[in-house]
Each structure stands twice: as structure tokens, then as C-alpha cells.
């Protein structure tokens, strides 16, 4: 990950671009995940929670689409 700072470009703009690229590549999430050791059971439960959340959203979206068709 890198950015090029152009001539006559304020350093603030370069930092904003760097921050946006770090967010796009999930650098902050990766650092936070690797900062502390988490048990395998905790990782599994987190994945399960995320899966349930996605499943609930997709079900409600399907329900909304069905109701719009009526």
C-alpha cells in the first residue's frame, strides 16, 4: 500500500488519501484482530453471529421484494 505525494500538494490531502486506502484494504481491522489472541471458539461464535445477521437481512430483503410485487 502506498500513495504518491505530488508537488504542491498539501500533506493533509495525502494523509486523507492514505487513510482512505487503508480503510479500503481493511488495514485497521486486521491490526485490531491481530493485536490480541482470540480463542477459536470466540472466532467461530463471531462468524456465526455475522452469518445470522446477513441471513436475517437477506430474508427481510426478500420479504420486502415479495410485498412490492403485490
Protein backbone atom coordinates (compact mmCIF):
# COMPACT_ATOMS: atom_id res chain seq x y z
CA UNK A 1 0.00 0.00 0.00
CA UNK A 2 1.45 3.33 -0.99
CA UNK A 3 0.49 6.74 -2.21
CA UNK A 4 2.41 9.28 -4.24
CA UNK A 5 2.61 12.81 -2.89
CA UNK A 6 2.61 15.24 -5.79
CA UNK A 7 4.39 18.57 -5.90
CA UNK A 8 2.50 21.46 -4.34
CA UNK A 9 0.04 19.02 -2.75
CA UNK A 10 -0.84 19.70 0.88
CA UNK A 11 0.25 16.94 3.21
CA UNK A 12 -3.29 16.80 4.61
CA UNK A 13 -4.68 15.66 1.26
CA UNK A 14 -2.02 12.96 1.01
CA UNK A 15 -2.86 11.75 4.52
CA UNK A 16 -6.56 11.65 3.65
CA UNK A 17 -5.81 9.52 0.58
CA UNK A 18 -3.60 7.22 2.66
CA UNK A 19 -6.32 6.84 5.27
CA UNK A 20 -8.95 6.09 2.61
CA UNK A 21 -6.73 3.44 1.05
CA UNK A 22 -6.06 1.86 4.45
CA UNK A 23 -9.81 1.65 5.08
CA UNK A 24 -10.37 0.16 1.63
CA UNK A 25 -7.81 -2.58 2.33
CA UNK A 26 -9.09 -3.25 5.88
CA UNK A 27 -5.73 -2.46 7.46
CA UNK A 28 -7.26 -1.19 10.70
CA UNK A 29 -9.47 -4.25 11.15
CA UNK A 30 -6.53 -6.57 10.52
CA UNK A 31 -4.37 -4.78 13.07
CA UNK A 32 -7.12 -4.91 15.68
CA UNK A 33 -7.74 -8.59 15.02
CA UNK A 34 -4.07 -9.48 15.37
CA UNK A 35 -3.46 -7.28 18.38
CA UNK A 36 -4.77 -9.81 20.89
CA UNK A 37 -5.15 -13.55 20.79
CA UNK A 38 -8.72 -14.73 20.42
CA UNK A 39 -9.82 -18.26 21.09
CA UNK A 40 -11.02 -20.38 18.22
CA UNK A 41 -14.43 -20.72 19.90
CA UNK A 42 -14.77 -16.92 20.01
CA UNK A 43 -13.89 -16.66 16.32
CA UNK A 44 -16.48 -19.30 15.48
CA UNK A 45 -19.18 -17.58 17.50
CA UNK A 46 -18.35 -14.23 15.85
CA UNK A 47 -18.59 -15.80 12.38
CA UNK A 48 -21.88 -17.42 13.36
CA UNK A 49 -23.24 -14.08 14.61
CA UNK A 50 -22.24 -12.37 11.37
CA UNK A 51 -23.81 -15.17 9.34
CA UNK A 52 -27.08 -14.84 11.27
CA UNK A 53 -27.07 -11.09 10.72
CA UNK A 54 -26.54 -11.48 6.96
CA UNK A 55 -29.20 -14.20 6.78
CA UNK A 56 -31.72 -12.00 8.61
CA UNK A 57 -31.02 -9.08 6.26
CA UNK A 58 -31.42 -11.22 3.16
CA UNK A 59 -34.68 -12.70 4.43
CA UNK A 60 -36.13 -9.29 5.18
CA UNK A 61 -35.00 -8.01 1.76
CA UNK A 62 -36.70 -10.98 0.07
CA UNK A 63 -39.86 -10.32 2.08
CA UNK A 64 -39.85 -6.65 1.04
CA UNK A 65 -39.39 -7.57 -2.61
CA UNK A 66 -42.29 -10.02 -2.43
CA UNK A 67 -44.54 -7.38 -0.88
CA UNK A 68 -43.59 -4.81 -3.52
CA UNK A 69 -44.68 -7.21 -6.24
CA UNK A 70 -48.25 -7.27 -4.90
